[in-house]
Amino acid sequence: MVLADLGRKITNALHSLSKATIINEEVLDSMLKEICTALLEADVNIRLVKKLRENVRSVIDFDEMAGGLNKRRMIQSAVFKELVKLVDPGVKPYQPIKGRPNVIMFVGLQGSGKTTTCTKLAYHYQKKNWKSCLVCADTFRAGAYDQIKQNATKARIPFYGSYTEVDPVTIAQDGVEMFKKEGFEFIIVDTSGRHKQEESLFEEMLAVANAVNPDNIIFVMDATIGQACEAQAKAFKEKVDIGSVIITKLDGHAKGGGALSAVAATNSPIIFIGTGEHIDDLEPFKTKPFISKLLGMGDIEGLIDKVNELKLDDNEELIDKIKHGQFTIRDMYEQFQNIMKMGPFSQIMGMIPGFSQDFMTKGGEQESMARIKRLMTMMDSMSDGELDNKDGAKLFSKQPTRVTRVAQGSGVMEREVRDLISQYTKFAAVIKKMGGIKGLFKSGDMTKNVNPTQMAKLNQQMAKMIDPRMFQQMGGMNGLQNMMRQLQQGAGGLGNLMSGFGGK
């Protein structure tokens, strides 16, 4: 069972409470049985599942409950808290300190995606302006150094390794010392993949740890091996002091429950999860938002983090344009650029309440990204005058030769350029409508600030722009209104949100 299926089954079990006319012991036991079955099918350890069931039962006492209490809400809240406990050992992860060397050592099974994850983590910190680098101390696997060299070169991350030195301890020591002297802040040491039965490799791992004295040892856990994760996690924890866990291959093909619940064996927090093959397919792990996403409740905090990462809060020029109902083709181009920067569509959609991470199939996602790139290629063939014109659509309709020139310059059909202009016209119309709504850019509750009739008209116009499949999945007009309200409240104003999606 993939994690999305697990989330769906637990959500359905929780929804069964809403359908029940009377909430009693029988209803509670039936719901808990469904949830426990789903967790076991997802490879969550039977001992932990049993504990979850007992803990929920101990919180809910129908005899002592006051009549006015919302029993449904209490049960749902208790289940949510127990699911959080499954993957949260209650230990704070190591926080790297800027301006000084932080030595991070990676350990894990061979084939767990450890070496790829090293590059992903180095890239993650590099994007946040840390001086990050890689040391390849894996001399056991043929091609390990070549892999790091290739990955690091592509991501423009400095690296150290050797084709001739066979002692991983020497390589690790030399690499760490070199990067410390050069003022690097985030030094990642990759070690040989090993198995709990391979005692010699475990001794080697301990020797490397003693030599480089890492600030944090990260255990990379492969989500696809299910319940075997726990025995492996224990074996590593007994040998070295694991400080954090990264779970890989959690991109929909794995059961994942075994890996998520195996963190209890390491008593170490999950800090990131790998969600795909690309270098930026690494998500910071936060327990409550993760469980919320799993149950289709969204992750507003994560979405706002994504927007804030683009550093667009100070984009007063765009906010001013929107307030005055102005939106050029260049503004649309920059909006597309920011969507591309925010990451895979399915990841973003999974952060919006009411959507699941698997809302968009990989094929659909790739098609959508390819479509955006194609639109941007057409805009690359436009002149500054066309991009910055306050009414670009009128310019192209009055002078059709412009359409021909853009089509030839970007290698597309003229019909596609006309479709682009049509799409821009719809975007600009919504911005114009937004500019005329008083109170839309005030912080606080949108429903109190904004005229309901005007807001309804704006929602209807937005609904026409959204793909019908997506609109239906959002829960129709009510879903769209709720989503906008939640985003506005979470981001501290719709103005900031819009700057995230359409800023410079």
Protein backbone atom coordinates (compact mmCIF):
# COMPACT_ATOMS: atom_id res chain seq x y z
CA MET A 1 0.00 0.00 0.00
CA VAL A 2 1.46 3.40 -0.94
CA LEU A 3 1.33 6.22 1.63
CA ALA A 4 -1.43 8.03 -0.26
CA ASP A 5 -3.61 4.90 0.10
CA LEU A 6 -2.82 4.77 3.82
CA GLY A 7 -3.89 8.40 4.22
CA ARG A 8 -7.09 7.76 2.26
CA LYS A 9 -8.01 4.72 4.38
CA ILE A 10 -7.42 6.53 7.67
CA THR A 11 -9.37 9.56 6.41
CA ASN A 12 -12.29 7.32 5.37
CA ALA A 13 -12.25 5.68 8.81
CA LEU A 14 -12.34 9.09 10.51
CA HIS A 15 -15.16 10.21 8.19
CA SER A 16 -17.22 7.21 9.33
CA LEU A 17 -17.69 9.10 12.61
CA SER A 18 -19.50 11.88 10.74
CA LYS A 19 -21.94 9.38 9.23
CA ALA A 20 -22.76 7.70 12.57
CA THR A 21 -25.92 8.98 14.23
CA ILE A 22 -24.70 7.93 17.70
CA ILE A 23 -21.04 7.83 18.78
CA ASN A 24 -20.53 4.84 21.09
CA GLU A 25 -17.99 2.11 21.95
CA GLU A 26 -19.02 0.02 18.96
CA VAL A 27 -18.49 2.89 16.48
CA LEU A 28 -15.11 3.74 18.07
CA ASP A 29 -13.90 0.11 17.95
CA SER A 30 -14.98 -0.24 14.31
CA MET A 31 -13.10 2.95 13.34
CA LEU A 32 -9.95 1.93 15.26
CA LYS A 33 -10.02 -1.50 13.61
CA GLU A 34 -10.04 0.15 10.15
CA ILE A 35 -7.17 2.48 11.07
CA CYS A 36 -5.05 -0.29 12.63
CA THR A 37 -5.60 -2.57 9.60
CA ALA A 38 -4.51 0.25 7.26
CA LEU A 39 -1.36 0.91 9.36
CA LEU A 40 -0.41 -2.78 9.42
CA GLU A 41 -0.90 -3.04 5.64
CA ALA A 42 1.48 -0.07 5.30
CA ASP A 43 4.14 -2.03 7.24
CA VAL A 44 3.90 -0.06 10.50
CA ASN A 45 5.26 -2.17 13.36
CA ILE A 46 2.51 -4.22 15.08
CA ARG A 47 3.73 -3.18 18.55
CA LEU A 48 3.34 0.51 17.67
CA VAL A 49 -0.09 -0.05 16.09
CA LYS A 50 -1.27 -1.82 19.26
CA LYS A 51 0.05 1.06 21.37
CA LEU A 52 -1.77 3.62 19.19
CA ARG A 53 -5.05 1.72 19.64
CA GLU A 54 -4.61 1.49 23.43
CA ASN A 55 -3.72 5.18 23.76
CA VAL A 56 -6.80 6.35 21.82
CA ARG A 57 -9.03 4.01 23.87
CA SER A 58 -7.56 5.35 27.13
CA VAL A 59 -8.32 8.98 26.15
CA ILE A 60 -11.92 8.29 25.13
CA ASP A 61 -14.12 7.29 28.08
CA PHE A 62 -17.78 7.51 27.10
CA ASP A 63 -19.00 7.05 30.70
CA GLU A 64 -17.12 10.08 31.97
CA MET A 65 -17.71 12.33 28.94
CA ALA A 66 -20.01 15.31 29.47
CA GLY A 67 -23.11 15.32 27.27
CA GLY A 68 -22.27 18.59 25.49
CA LEU A 69 -18.79 17.49 24.39
CA ASN A 70 -18.13 17.00 20.70
CA LYS A 71 -17.19 13.31 20.82
CA ARG A 72 -16.40 13.16 17.09
CA ARG A 73 -13.86 15.96 17.39
CA MET A 74 -12.27 14.47 20.51
CA ILE A 75 -11.81 11.07 18.84
CA GLN A 76 -10.41 12.61 15.63
CA SER A 77 -8.03 14.79 17.67
CA ALA A 78 -6.84 11.75 19.70
CA VAL A 79 -6.15 9.75 16.50
CA PHE A 80 -4.25 12.69 14.97
CA LYS A 81 -2.06 13.06 18.11
CA GLU A 82 -1.25 9.34 18.14
CA LEU A 83 -0.32 9.36 14.43
CA VAL A 84 2.04 12.26 15.18
CA LYS A 85 3.62 10.27 18.04
CA LEU A 86 4.28 7.36 15.63
CA VAL A 87 6.81 9.44 13.68
CA ASP A 88 7.95 11.95 16.30
CA PRO A 89 10.42 10.73 18.96
CA GLY A 90 10.18 14.14 20.67
CA VAL A 91 13.89 14.87 20.14
CA LYS A 92 15.05 18.17 18.65
CA PRO A 93 17.31 17.74 15.58
CA TYR A 94 20.79 19.21 15.33
CA GLN A 95 20.69 22.79 14.06
CA PRO A 96 23.74 23.75 11.96
CA ILE A 97 25.38 27.05 12.92
CA LYS A 98 26.15 29.59 10.19
CA GLY A 99 29.67 30.99 9.99
CA ARG A 100 31.45 27.89 11.38
CA PRO A 101 32.17 24.40 10.00
CA ASN A 102 29.35 21.85 10.57
CA VAL A 103 30.55 18.31 9.82
CA ILE A 104 27.68 16.01 8.78
CA MET A 105 28.35 12.28 8.34
CA PHE A 106 26.01 10.08 6.30
CA VAL A 107 25.47 6.37 7.09
CA GLY A 108 23.02 3.79 5.74
CA LEU A 109 22.46 0.59 3.81
CA GLN A 110 23.94 0.12 0.36
CA GLY A 111 21.36 1.08 -2.26
CA SER A 112 19.37 3.33 0.09
CA GLY A 113 20.02 6.44 -2.03
CA LYS A 114 22.60 7.75 0.45
CA THR A 115 25.07 9.25 -2.05
CA THR A 116 22.32 10.99 -4.05
CA THR A 117 20.84 12.33 -0.79
CA CYS A 118 24.25 13.78 0.19
CA THR A 119 24.18 15.94 -2.95
CA LYS A 120 20.54 16.89 -2.39
CA LEU A 121 21.27 18.09 1.17
CA ALA A 122 24.39 20.00 0.09
CA TYR A 123 22.33 21.65 -2.68
CA HIS A 124 19.51 22.47 -0.22
CA TYR A 125 21.93 24.41 2.02
CA GLN A 126 23.77 25.93 -0.93
CA LYS A 127 20.46 27.46 -2.09
CA LYS A 128 20.20 29.07 1.37
CA ASN A 129 23.64 30.67 0.84
CA TRP A 130 25.65 28.24 2.98
CA LYS A 131 29.14 27.28 1.78
CA SER A 132 28.47 23.54 1.39
CA CYS A 133 30.71 20.75 0.08
CA LEU A 134 31.00 16.94 -0.23
CA VAL A 135 33.66 14.43 0.87
CA CYS A 136 33.48 10.93 -0.67
CA ALA A 137 34.79 8.44 1.93
CA ASP A 138 33.08 5.48 0.24
CA THR A 139 35.93 3.29 -1.03
CA PHE A 140 33.88 0.08 -0.87
CA ARG A 141 31.47 0.64 -3.77
CA ALA A 142 32.97 0.87 -7.25
CA GLY A 143 31.92 4.13 -8.89
CA ALA A 144 30.91 5.91 -5.66
CA TYR A 145 33.47 8.69 -6.17
CA ASP A 146 32.48 9.04 -9.84
CA GLN A 147 28.83 9.40 -8.79
CA ILE A 148 29.60 12.15 -6.26
CA LYS A 149 31.89 13.85 -8.77
CA GLN A 150 29.14 13.83 -11.43
CA ASN A 151 26.37 14.97 -9.06
CA ALA A 152 28.47 17.66 -7.40
CA THR A 153 29.79 19.06 -10.70
CA LYS A 154 26.24 19.31 -12.06
CA ALA A 155 25.06 21.14 -8.92
CA ARG A 156 28.29 23.23 -8.73
CA ILE A 157 29.14 21.91 -5.26
CA PRO A 158 32.87 21.57 -4.31
CA PHE A 159 33.90 17.96 -3.57
CA TYR A 160 36.85 15.89 -2.37
CA GLY A 161 37.78 12.24 -2.99
CA SER A 162 40.53 9.99 -4.33
CA TYR A 163 40.98 7.30 -6.97
CA THR A 164 44.20 6.03 -5.36
CA GLU A 165 43.72 6.26 -1.57
CA VAL A 166 41.99 3.12 -0.24
CA ASP A 167 41.63 4.10 3.42
CA PRO A 168 38.27 5.87 3.93
CA VAL A 169 39.44 7.27 7.28
CA THR A 170 42.37 9.08 5.61
CA ILE A 171 40.10 10.47 2.83
CA ALA A 172 37.49 11.67 5.35
CA GLN A 173 40.11 13.32 7.57
CA ASP A 174 41.98 15.03 4.70
CA GLY A 175 38.76 16.24 3.03
CA VAL A 176 37.26 17.67 6.22
CA GLU A 177 40.52 19.42 7.19
CA MET A 178 40.88 20.94 3.71
CA PHE A 179 37.31 22.29 3.63
CA LYS A 180 37.57 23.62 7.19
CA LYS A 181 40.68 25.62 6.22
CA GLU A 182 38.80 27.00 3.20
CA GLY A 183 35.99 28.28 5.42
CA PHE A 184 33.21 25.88 4.40
CA GLU A 185 30.16 25.84 6.69
CA PHE A 186 28.37 22.61 5.72
CA ILE A 187 30.76 19.67 5.17
CA ILE A 188 29.03 16.39 4.24
CA VAL A 189 31.00 13.13 4.54
CA ASP A 190 29.55 10.21 2.54
CA THR A 191 30.54 6.73 3.83
CA SER A 192 30.27 3.20 2.44
CA GLY A 193 26.84 1.62 2.42
CA ARG A 194 26.74 -1.32 4.80
CA HIS A 195 24.52 -4.05 6.24
CA LYS A 196 24.04 -4.99 9.91
CA GLN A 197 25.69 -8.38 9.22
CA GLU A 198 28.88 -6.74 7.86
CA GLU A 199 30.87 -6.23 11.06
CA SER A 200 34.04 -4.98 9.34
CA LEU A 201 32.14 -2.20 7.56
CA PHE A 202 30.55 -1.20 10.85
CA GLU A 203 34.00 -0.92 12.45
CA GLU A 204 35.08 1.22 9.49
CA MET A 205 32.06 3.50 10.00
CA LEU A 206 32.99 3.94 13.67
CA ALA A 207 36.61 4.71 12.74
CA VAL A 208 35.49 7.43 10.27
CA ALA A 209 33.18 8.92 12.93
CA ASN A 210 36.04 9.01 15.48
CA ALA A 211 38.38 10.60 12.93
CA VAL A 212 36.15 13.47 11.74
CA ASN A 213 34.14 13.93 14.98
CA PRO A 214 30.88 14.85 13.16
CA ASP A 215 28.39 17.35 14.60
CA ASN A 216 25.55 15.21 13.28
CA ILE A 217 25.32 11.63 11.96
CA ILE A 218 22.44 11.19 9.52
CA PHE A 219 20.99 7.73 8.96
CA VAL A 220 19.53 7.36 5.45
CA MET A 221 16.58 4.97 5.50
CA ASP A 222 15.12 3.36 2.36
CA ALA A 223 11.30 3.43 2.60
CA THR A 224 10.92 0.46 0.25
CA ILE A 225 12.33 -2.17 2.66
CA GLY A 226 9.32 -1.94 5.01
CA GLN A 227 9.55 -3.55 8.44
CA ALA A 228 13.21 -4.52 7.93
CA CYS A 229 13.95 -0.83 8.60
CA GLU A 230 13.64 -1.28 12.36
CA ALA A 231 16.30 -4.01 12.73
CA GLN A 232 18.70 -2.04 10.52
CA ALA A 233 18.04 1.23 12.39
CA LYS A 234 18.75 -0.47 15.74
CA ALA A 235 22.02 -1.97 14.45
CA PHE A 236 23.30 1.43 13.27
CA LYS A 237 22.18 3.19 16.46
CA GLU A 238 24.07 0.67 18.63
CA LYS A 239 27.32 1.38 16.77
CA VAL A 240 27.26 5.18 16.22
CA ASP A 241 25.28 8.06 17.69
CA ILE A 242 22.64 8.73 15.03
CA GLY A 243 21.35 12.28 15.39
CA SER A 244 18.88 12.53 12.50
CA VAL A 245 17.08 10.45 9.88
CA ILE A 246 16.39 11.09 6.19
CA ILE A 247 13.86 8.77 4.53
CA THR A 248 14.37 8.17 0.81
CA LYS A 249 12.15 6.80 -1.98
CA LEU A 250 9.01 8.09 -0.29
CA ASP A 251 7.55 9.15 -3.65
CA GLY A 252 4.42 7.01 -3.79
CA HIS A 253 5.94 3.64 -4.71
CA ALA A 254 6.85 2.60 -1.18
CA LYS A 255 4.78 1.31 1.70
CA GLY A 256 6.69 3.81 3.81
CA GLY A 257 4.98 2.97 7.11
CA GLY A 258 7.85 0.70 8.16
CA ALA A 259 10.39 3.45 7.62
CA LEU A 260 8.29 6.13 9.29
CA SER A 261 7.71 4.01 12.38
CA ALA A 262 11.33 2.77 12.51
CA VAL A 263 12.48 6.21 13.72
CA ALA A 264 11.31 5.02 17.14
CA ALA A 265 14.21 2.53 17.04
CA THR A 266 16.77 5.30 16.52
CA ASN A 267 15.06 7.80 18.86
CA SER A 268 16.19 10.39 16.31
CA PRO A 269 14.02 12.88 14.43
CA ILE A 270 13.30 12.69 10.69
CA ILE A 271 14.69 15.91 9.20
CA PHE A 272 14.05 15.41 5.45
CA ILE A 273 12.22 13.04 3.12
CA GLY A 274 13.27 12.20 -0.44
CA THR A 275 10.33 12.44 -2.83
CA GLY A 276 11.92 11.80 -6.24
CA GLU A 277 15.06 11.52 -8.36
CA HIS A 278 15.76 15.19 -9.01
CA ILE A 279 18.22 17.24 -6.97
CA ASP A 280 15.48 19.39 -5.42
CA ASP A 281 13.22 16.42 -4.55
CA LEU A 282 14.08 16.73 -0.86
CA GLU A 283 11.46 18.10 1.54
CA PRO A 284 12.14 19.34 5.09
CA PHE A 285 10.14 17.07 7.41
CA LYS A 286 7.72 18.56 9.93
CA THR A 287 5.62 15.98 11.73
CA LYS A 288 2.23 17.69 12.10
CA PRO A 289 2.13 19.12 8.55
CA PHE A 290 3.22 15.69 7.22
CA ILE A 291 0.34 13.91 9.00
CA SER A 292 -2.04 16.70 7.87
CA LYS A 293 -0.98 16.17 4.24
CA LEU A 294 -1.29 12.40 4.65
CA LEU A 295 -4.91 12.86 5.73
CA GLY A 296 -5.67 15.34 2.92
CA MET A 297 -5.75 18.31 5.32
CA GLY A 298 -3.03 20.21 3.46
CA ASP A 299 0.10 21.99 4.69
CA ILE A 300 -0.47 25.74 4.60
CA GLU A 301 2.74 26.33 6.59
CA GLY A 302 4.76 24.44 3.96
CA LEU A 303 3.13 26.33 1.10
CA ILE A 304 3.91 29.68 2.72
CA ASP A 305 7.52 28.53 3.32
CA LYS A 306 7.76 27.79 -0.41
CA VAL A 307 6.47 31.27 -1.24
CA ASN A 308 8.76 32.91 1.32
CA GLU A 309 11.79 31.03 -0.07
CA LEU A 310 11.37 33.06 -3.24
CA LYS A 311 12.00 36.23 -1.15
CA LEU A 312 9.12 38.13 -2.69
CA ASP A 313 7.56 39.76 0.39
CA ASP A 314 9.06 43.14 -0.46
CA ASN A 315 7.68 43.21 -3.99
CA GLU A 316 5.78 46.47 -3.57
CA GLU A 317 5.77 47.18 -7.31
CA LEU A 318 3.70 44.08 -8.11
CA ILE A 319 1.32 44.66 -5.16
CA ASP A 320 0.80 48.22 -6.38
CA LYS A 321 0.08 46.95 -9.90
CA ILE A 322 -2.50 44.44 -8.62
CA LYS A 323 -4.16 47.14 -6.50
CA HIS A 324 -4.57 49.21 -9.66
CA GLY A 325 -5.74 46.20 -11.68
CA GLN A 326 -2.65 46.14 -13.94
CA PHE A 327 -0.99 42.96 -15.25
CA THR A 328 1.38 42.73 -18.22
CA ILE A 329 2.59 39.74 -20.23
CA ARG A 330 5.95 40.10 -18.44
CA ASP A 331 4.17 39.80 -15.10
CA MET A 332 2.63 36.53 -16.31
CA TYR A 333 6.07 35.32 -17.47
CA GLU A 334 7.53 36.04 -14.03
CA GLN A 335 4.59 34.27 -12.40
CA PHE A 336 5.39 31.16 -14.45
CA GLN A 337 9.05 31.46 -13.43
CA ASN A 338 8.08 31.40 -9.77
CA ILE A 339 5.76 28.42 -10.21
CA MET A 340 8.72 26.53 -11.72
CA LYS A 341 10.94 27.56 -8.77
CA MET A 342 8.38 26.37 -6.22
CA GLY A 343 8.81 22.75 -7.28
CA PRO A 344 6.72 19.90 -8.63
CA PHE A 345 3.00 20.64 -9.04
CA SER A 346 1.92 17.50 -7.16
CA GLN A 347 4.02 18.62 -4.17
CA ILE A 348 2.43 22.08 -4.18
CA MET A 349 -1.09 20.69 -4.67
CA GLY A 350 -0.53 18.33 -1.72
CA MET A 351 0.03 21.39 0.49
CA ILE A 352 -3.39 22.84 -0.31
CA PRO A 353 -6.22 21.64 1.96
CA GLY A 354 -8.51 19.11 0.29
CA PHE A 355 -5.85 17.83 -2.09
CA SER A 356 -3.75 14.70 -1.84
CA GLN A 357 -0.11 14.48 -2.93
CA ASP A 358 -1.12 12.10 -5.73
CA PHE A 359 -3.71 14.59 -7.08
CA MET A 360 -1.71 14.98 -10.27
CA THR A 361 -0.12 11.93 -11.86
CA LYS A 362 3.55 12.12 -12.85
CA GLY A 363 2.48 12.17 -16.51
CA GLY A 364 0.04 15.00 -15.89
CA GLU A 365 2.66 16.91 -13.92
CA GLN A 366 5.29 16.55 -16.63
CA GLU A 367 2.79 17.66 -19.27
CA SER A 368 1.87 20.73 -17.21
CA MET A 369 5.52 21.71 -16.65
CA ALA A 370 6.27 21.18 -20.35
CA ARG A 371 3.26 23.36 -21.21
CA ILE A 372 4.52 26.19 -18.98
CA LYS A 373 8.02 25.95 -20.50
CA ARG A 374 6.48 26.15 -23.98
CA LEU A 375 4.51 29.27 -23.03
CA MET A 376 7.68 30.84 -21.60
CA THR A 377 9.58 30.04 -24.81
CA MET A 378 6.93 31.99 -26.77
CA MET A 379 7.27 34.94 -24.38
CA ASP A 380 11.06 34.80 -24.81
CA SER A 381 10.45 35.65 -28.48
CA MET A 382 8.50 38.82 -27.61
CA SER A 383 10.00 42.31 -27.53
CA ASP A 384 10.20 44.45 -24.38
CA GLY A 385 7.45 46.64 -25.77
CA GLU A 386 5.12 43.64 -26.11
CA LEU A 387 5.97 42.22 -22.67
CA ASP A 388 5.52 45.53 -20.83
CA ASN A 389 2.49 46.90 -22.71
CA LYS A 390 -0.44 47.58 -20.35
CA ASP A 391 -2.79 45.96 -22.85
CA GLY A 392 -0.66 43.37 -24.64
CA ALA A 393 -3.70 41.50 -25.96
CA LYS A 394 -4.94 44.55 -27.90
CA LEU A 395 -1.45 45.08 -29.36
CA PHE A 396 -1.38 41.55 -30.81
CA SER A 397 -4.97 41.66 -32.09
CA LYS A 398 -4.39 45.00 -33.90
CA GLN A 399 -1.10 43.85 -35.47
CA PRO A 400 -1.37 40.10 -36.35
CA THR A 401 2.15 40.13 -37.86
CA ARG A 402 3.43 40.16 -34.26
CA VAL A 403 1.79 36.74 -33.74
CA THR A 404 3.54 35.41 -36.86
CA ARG A 405 6.93 36.75 -35.71
CA VAL A 406 6.62 35.25 -32.20
CA ALA A 407 5.49 31.88 -33.62
CA GLN A 408 8.46 31.73 -36.00
CA GLY A 409 10.90 32.86 -33.30
CA SER A 410 9.76 30.20 -30.83
CA GLY A 411 9.13 27.38 -33.33
CA VAL A 412 5.41 26.98 -32.59
CA MET A 413 2.14 27.31 -34.51
CA GLU A 414 0.47 30.75 -34.67
CA ARG A 415 -2.59 29.16 -33.01
CA GLU A 416 -0.48 28.45 -29.90
CA VAL A 417 0.58 32.11 -29.66
CA ARG A 418 -3.07 33.18 -29.93
CA ASP A 419 -3.93 30.68 -27.16
CA LEU A 420 -1.21 32.26 -24.99
CA ILE A 421 -2.65 35.74 -25.56
CA SER A 422 -6.11 34.39 -24.70
CA GLN A 423 -4.77 32.91 -21.45
CA TYR A 424 -3.09 36.22 -20.60
CA THR A 425 -6.39 38.06 -21.24
CA LYS A 426 -8.11 35.84 -18.64
CA PHE A 427 -5.33 36.42 -16.10
CA ALA A 428 -5.39 40.19 -16.66
CA ALA A 429 -9.20 40.26 -16.29
CA VAL A 430 -8.97 38.60 -12.86
CA ILE A 431 -6.24 41.05 -11.75
CA LYS A 432 -8.38 43.97 -12.95
CA LYS A 433 -11.32 42.64 -10.95
CA MET A 434 -9.08 42.19 -7.87
CA GLY A 435 -7.88 45.78 -8.17
CA GLY A 436 -11.46 47.01 -7.86
CA ILE A 437 -12.22 45.10 -4.63
CA LYS A 438 -11.73 47.22 -1.52
CA GLY A 439 -10.37 45.42 1.54
CA LEU A 440 -8.80 42.55 -0.42
CA PHE A 441 -5.29 43.58 0.57
CA LYS A 442 -5.99 44.18 4.25
CA SER A 443 -4.73 41.64 6.76
CA GLY A 444 -7.33 39.78 8.81
CA ASP A 445 -10.47 37.90 7.84
CA MET A 446 -11.16 38.31 4.12
CA THR A 447 -14.90 37.63 4.64
CA LYS A 448 -15.19 40.73 6.88
CA ASN A 449 -13.00 43.03 4.77
CA VAL A 450 -14.48 42.32 1.34
CA ASN A 451 -17.90 42.97 -0.19
CA PRO A 452 -19.47 39.46 -0.53
CA THR A 453 -21.02 40.18 -3.97
CA GLN A 454 -17.69 41.34 -5.41
CA MET A 455 -15.90 38.35 -3.89
CA ALA A 456 -18.46 35.96 -5.37
CA LYS A 457 -17.89 37.45 -8.84
CA LEU A 458 -14.11 37.11 -8.43
CA ASN A 459 -14.47 33.46 -7.35
CA GLN A 460 -16.70 32.71 -10.36
CA GLN A 461 -14.12 34.23 -12.70
CA MET A 462 -11.30 32.26 -11.06
CA ALA A 463 -13.38 29.06 -11.27
CA LYS A 464 -13.64 29.51 -15.06
CA MET A 465 -9.84 29.67 -15.32
CA ILE A 466 -9.23 26.47 -13.33
CA ASP A 467 -9.06 23.07 -15.01
CA PRO A 468 -12.49 21.36 -14.42
CA ARG A 469 -10.81 18.25 -12.89
CA MET A 470 -8.91 20.42 -10.44
CA PHE A 471 -12.00 22.51 -9.64
CA GLN A 472 -14.03 19.39 -8.85
CA GLN A 473 -11.24 17.98 -6.63
CA MET A 474 -11.16 21.28 -4.72
CA GLY A 475 -14.80 20.79 -3.76
CA GLY A 476 -16.31 23.25 -6.24
CA MET A 477 -16.98 26.87 -5.35
CA ASN A 478 -17.07 26.24 -1.58
CA GLY A 479 -13.66 24.54 -1.78
CA LEU A 480 -12.20 27.46 -3.76
CA GLN A 481 -13.52 30.00 -1.22
CA ASN A 482 -12.20 27.99 1.73
CA MET A 483 -8.81 27.58 0.08
CA MET A 484 -8.48 31.31 -0.60
CA ARG A 485 -9.56 32.11 2.98
CA GLN A 486 -7.02 29.67 4.47
CA LEU A 487 -4.22 30.90 2.23
CA GLN A 488 -5.03 34.54 2.99
CA GLN A 489 -5.08 33.96 6.76
CA GLY A 490 -1.94 31.78 6.69
CA ALA A 491 0.13 34.15 4.59
CA GLY A 492 -0.96 37.27 6.45
CA GLY A 493 -2.73 38.88 3.52
CA LEU A 494 -3.65 37.97 -0.04
CA GLY A 495 -1.23 40.63 -1.26
CA ASN A 496 1.79 38.64 -0.02
CA LEU A 497 0.36 35.46 -1.49
CA MET A 498 -0.10 37.07 -4.90
CA SER A 499 3.47 38.40 -4.77
CA GLY A 500 4.57 34.79 -4.26
CA PHE A 501 2.77 33.55 -7.33
CA GLY A 502 3.35 36.48 -9.63
CA GLY A 503 6.28 38.48 -8.38
CA LYS A 504 9.68 39.39 -9.66
